[in-house]
Amino acid sequence: MKTTIRRMGNSQGVLIPKPVLAQLGLENEVEMEMEVENDTIVLRRPRHKAREGWAEASEVLAQTGGDTLVMGEFGNTEDAELAW
């Protein structure tokens, strides 16, 4: 299959036909990894999703008490005289 490089705003790009994306199961992907391997542009699904597992990890921290402040709370002694 041949394609052309097209101007897209200030960049250039290649349109990937929908049947090709469907064949690869990528029709709904928003982010892709792109790299050059041996004079070939390679596009693939991201290996890791951004922030994957963060919610579960924060729950574990909260349950084990690992979410306490590192420095503790401290106030400015001058703040007691301020009118809020």
N, C-alpha and C. Protein backbone atom coordinates (compact mmCIF):
# COMPACT_ATOMS: atom_id res chain seq x y z
N MET A 1 0.86 -1.16 0.00
CA MET A 1 0.00 0.00 0.00
C MET A 1 0.91 1.23 0.00
N LYS A 2 0.62 2.16 -0.86
CA LYS A 2 1.38 3.41 -0.91
C LYS A 2 0.57 4.51 -0.26
N THR A 3 1.27 5.47 0.32
CA THR A 3 0.62 6.63 0.93
C THR A 3 1.52 7.83 0.70
N THR A 4 1.03 9.00 1.04
CA THR A 4 1.81 10.21 0.86
C THR A 4 1.92 10.95 2.18
N ILE A 5 2.99 11.72 2.29
CA ILE A 5 3.15 12.58 3.46
C ILE A 5 2.42 13.88 3.14
N ARG A 6 1.56 14.31 4.05
CA ARG A 6 0.73 15.50 3.84
C ARG A 6 1.03 16.56 4.89
N ARG A 7 0.81 17.80 4.50
CA ARG A 7 0.95 18.90 5.44
C ARG A 7 -0.26 18.89 6.36
N MET A 8 0.01 18.97 7.69
CA MET A 8 -1.04 19.02 8.70
C MET A 8 -0.68 20.14 9.65
N GLY A 9 -1.21 21.34 9.38
CA GLY A 9 -0.84 22.51 10.17
C GLY A 9 0.61 22.84 9.92
N ASN A 10 1.40 22.97 11.00
CA ASN A 10 2.82 23.25 10.86
C ASN A 10 3.65 21.97 10.78
N SER A 11 2.99 20.82 10.79
CA SER A 11 3.68 19.53 10.76
C SER A 11 3.36 18.81 9.47
N GLN A 12 3.84 17.60 9.38
CA GLN A 12 3.50 16.72 8.27
C GLN A 12 3.07 15.39 8.84
N GLY A 13 2.23 14.68 8.11
CA GLY A 13 1.75 13.42 8.62
C GLY A 13 1.28 12.49 7.53
N VAL A 14 0.95 11.29 7.95
CA VAL A 14 0.44 10.25 7.06
C VAL A 14 -0.90 9.80 7.61
N LEU A 15 -1.90 9.73 6.74
CA LEU A 15 -3.20 9.22 7.15
C LEU A 15 -3.17 7.69 7.06
N ILE A 16 -3.59 7.05 8.13
CA ILE A 16 -3.64 5.59 8.15
C ILE A 16 -5.08 5.18 7.86
N PRO A 17 -5.30 4.40 6.80
CA PRO A 17 -6.67 4.02 6.45
C PRO A 17 -7.35 3.24 7.58
N LYS A 18 -8.64 3.49 7.74
CA LYS A 18 -9.41 2.86 8.80
C LYS A 18 -9.35 1.33 8.76
N PRO A 19 -9.40 0.70 7.58
CA PRO A 19 -9.30 -0.77 7.57
C PRO A 19 -7.98 -1.29 8.14
N VAL A 20 -6.90 -0.54 7.95
CA VAL A 20 -5.61 -0.96 8.50
C VAL A 20 -5.64 -0.87 10.02
N LEU A 21 -6.18 0.24 10.55
CA LEU A 21 -6.30 0.39 11.99
C LEU A 21 -7.20 -0.69 12.58
N ALA A 22 -8.29 -1.00 11.88
CA ALA A 22 -9.21 -2.04 12.36
C ALA A 22 -8.52 -3.40 12.37
N GLN A 23 -7.73 -3.69 11.36
CA GLN A 23 -7.02 -4.96 11.29
C GLN A 23 -6.06 -5.13 12.47
N LEU A 24 -5.49 -4.02 12.93
CA LEU A 24 -4.56 -4.06 14.05
C LEU A 24 -5.26 -3.88 15.39
N GLY A 25 -6.55 -3.57 15.38
CA GLY A 25 -7.28 -3.34 16.63
C GLY A 25 -6.94 -2.01 17.26
N LEU A 26 -6.62 -1.02 16.44
CA LEU A 26 -6.19 0.28 16.95
C LEU A 26 -7.18 1.40 16.64
N GLU A 27 -8.40 1.08 16.21
CA GLU A 27 -9.30 2.14 15.77
C GLU A 27 -9.69 3.12 16.87
N ASN A 28 -9.61 2.74 18.14
CA ASN A 28 -10.00 3.63 19.23
C ASN A 28 -8.82 4.19 20.02
N GLU A 29 -7.60 3.89 19.61
CA GLU A 29 -6.42 4.35 20.33
C GLU A 29 -6.24 5.85 20.13
N VAL A 30 -5.89 6.55 21.18
CA VAL A 30 -5.62 7.98 21.10
C VAL A 30 -4.12 8.23 21.13
N GLU A 31 -3.42 7.50 21.98
CA GLU A 31 -1.98 7.66 22.10
C GLU A 31 -1.28 6.46 21.49
N MET A 32 -0.17 6.73 20.85
CA MET A 32 0.63 5.68 20.26
C MET A 32 2.09 5.96 20.58
N GLU A 33 2.89 4.92 20.64
CA GLU A 33 4.34 5.09 20.74
C GLU A 33 4.89 5.04 19.32
N MET A 34 5.86 5.93 19.04
CA MET A 34 6.45 5.96 17.72
C MET A 34 7.96 5.98 17.86
N GLU A 35 8.63 5.16 17.07
CA GLU A 35 10.09 5.16 17.07
C GLU A 35 10.58 4.75 15.70
N VAL A 36 11.85 4.96 15.46
CA VAL A 36 12.47 4.57 14.20
C VAL A 36 13.35 3.37 14.46
N GLU A 37 13.12 2.30 13.68
CA GLU A 37 13.93 1.08 13.78
C GLU A 37 14.39 0.71 12.38
N ASN A 38 15.69 0.74 12.16
CA ASN A 38 16.25 0.34 10.86
C ASN A 38 15.57 1.04 9.69
N ASP A 39 15.54 2.36 9.73
CA ASP A 39 14.94 3.18 8.67
C ASP A 39 13.45 2.92 8.47
N THR A 40 12.77 2.47 9.53
CA THR A 40 11.34 2.20 9.48
C THR A 40 10.66 2.92 10.63
N ILE A 41 9.54 3.58 10.35
CA ILE A 41 8.75 4.20 11.41
C ILE A 41 7.85 3.12 11.99
N VAL A 42 7.94 2.91 13.31
CA VAL A 42 7.15 1.87 13.98
C VAL A 42 6.17 2.55 14.92
N LEU A 43 4.89 2.25 14.76
CA LEU A 43 3.83 2.73 15.66
C LEU A 43 3.31 1.53 16.43
N ARG A 44 3.14 1.71 17.75
CA ARG A 44 2.59 0.61 18.55
C ARG A 44 1.77 1.17 19.71
N ARG A 45 0.94 0.29 20.27
CA ARG A 45 0.17 0.68 21.44
C ARG A 45 1.14 1.04 22.56
N PRO A 46 0.74 1.97 23.43
CA PRO A 46 1.61 2.27 24.58
C PRO A 46 1.78 1.03 25.44
N ARG A 47 2.99 0.79 25.90
CA ARG A 47 3.25 -0.38 26.74
C ARG A 47 2.68 -0.17 28.14
N HIS A 48 2.72 1.08 28.61
CA HIS A 48 2.20 1.41 29.93
C HIS A 48 1.25 2.59 29.78
N LYS A 49 0.11 2.49 30.39
CA LYS A 49 -0.81 3.62 30.37
C LYS A 49 -0.40 4.60 31.46
N ALA A 50 -0.53 5.89 31.17
CA ALA A 50 -0.16 6.92 32.13
C ALA A 50 -0.97 6.75 33.42
N ARG A 51 -0.27 6.79 34.52
CA ARG A 51 -0.86 6.72 35.86
C ARG A 51 -1.58 5.40 36.13
N GLU A 52 -1.27 4.37 35.37
CA GLU A 52 -1.90 3.07 35.58
C GLU A 52 -1.49 2.53 36.96
N GLY A 53 -2.46 2.17 37.77
CA GLY A 53 -2.21 1.60 39.08
C GLY A 53 -2.04 2.62 40.19
N TRP A 54 -2.07 3.91 39.87
CA TRP A 54 -1.89 4.94 40.90
C TRP A 54 -3.01 4.91 41.94
N ALA A 55 -4.24 4.73 41.51
CA ALA A 55 -5.38 4.74 42.44
C ALA A 55 -5.25 3.60 43.45
N GLU A 56 -4.92 2.42 42.96
CA GLU A 56 -4.77 1.27 43.85
C GLU A 56 -3.61 1.47 44.82
N ALA A 57 -2.50 2.02 44.31
CA ALA A 57 -1.33 2.25 45.16
C ALA A 57 -1.63 3.27 46.25
N SER A 58 -2.41 4.31 45.93
CA SER A 58 -2.73 5.32 46.95
C SER A 58 -3.67 4.74 48.00
N GLU A 59 -4.56 3.83 47.61
CA GLU A 59 -5.43 3.18 48.58
C GLU A 59 -4.62 2.33 49.55
N VAL A 60 -3.64 1.62 49.04
CA VAL A 60 -2.78 0.80 49.90
C VAL A 60 -2.01 1.69 50.86
N LEU A 61 -1.50 2.81 50.38
CA LEU A 61 -0.78 3.74 51.25
C LEU A 61 -1.68 4.24 52.37
N ALA A 62 -2.91 4.61 52.03
CA ALA A 62 -3.84 5.12 53.03
C ALA A 62 -4.18 4.04 54.07
N GLN A 63 -4.37 2.81 53.61
CA GLN A 63 -4.73 1.73 54.53
C GLN A 63 -3.59 1.36 55.47
N THR A 64 -2.35 1.52 55.01
CA THR A 64 -1.20 1.14 55.84
C THR A 64 -0.61 2.32 56.59
N GLY A 65 -1.23 3.49 56.45
CA GLY A 65 -0.74 4.67 57.15
C GLY A 65 0.47 5.30 56.49
N GLY A 66 0.75 4.93 55.26
CA GLY A 66 1.91 5.47 54.56
C GLY A 66 1.67 6.82 53.92
N ASP A 67 0.50 7.41 54.18
CA ASP A 67 0.20 8.70 53.56
C ASP A 67 0.33 9.86 54.55
N THR A 68 1.05 9.66 55.64
CA THR A 68 1.24 10.74 56.61
C THR A 68 2.22 11.76 56.06
N LEU A 69 2.13 12.96 56.60
CA LEU A 69 3.03 14.02 56.16
C LEU A 69 4.46 13.70 56.55
N VAL A 70 5.38 13.91 55.65
CA VAL A 70 6.78 13.61 55.92
C VAL A 70 7.37 14.60 56.92
N MET A 71 7.05 15.88 56.76
CA MET A 71 7.61 16.91 57.63
C MET A 71 6.73 17.20 58.83
N GLY A 72 5.54 16.68 58.82
CA GLY A 72 4.61 17.02 59.90
C GLY A 72 4.03 18.41 59.67
N GLU A 73 3.10 18.77 60.49
CA GLU A 73 2.50 20.10 60.33
C GLU A 73 3.26 21.10 61.17
N PHE A 74 3.43 22.27 60.63
CA PHE A 74 4.07 23.33 61.39
C PHE A 74 3.44 24.65 60.97
N GLY A 75 3.25 25.47 61.92
CA GLY A 75 2.65 26.77 61.63
C GLY A 75 3.65 27.88 61.85
N ASN A 76 3.34 29.00 61.34
CA ASN A 76 4.18 30.17 61.58
C ASN A 76 3.70 30.82 62.89
N THR A 77 4.61 31.04 63.79
CA THR A 77 4.23 31.59 65.09
C THR A 77 3.60 32.97 64.94
N GLU A 78 3.96 33.70 63.92
CA GLU A 78 3.40 35.04 63.72
C GLU A 78 1.94 34.99 63.27
N ASP A 79 1.48 33.86 62.74
CA ASP A 79 0.13 33.78 62.21
C ASP A 79 -0.95 33.90 63.28
N ALA A 80 -0.65 33.61 64.52
CA ALA A 80 -1.64 33.65 65.59
C ALA A 80 -2.21 35.05 65.78
N GLU A 81 -1.46 36.07 65.46
CA GLU A 81 -1.92 37.45 65.66
C GLU A 81 -2.66 38.01 64.46
N LEU A 82 -2.72 37.28 63.36
CA LEU A 82 -3.36 37.77 62.15
C LEU A 82 -4.89 37.67 62.29
N ALA A 83 -5.59 38.65 61.76
CA ALA A 83 -7.05 38.62 61.75
C ALA A 83 -7.49 38.02 60.42
N TRP A 84 -8.28 36.96 60.51
CA TRP A 84 -8.73 36.29 59.29
C TRP A 84 -10.09 36.74 58.91
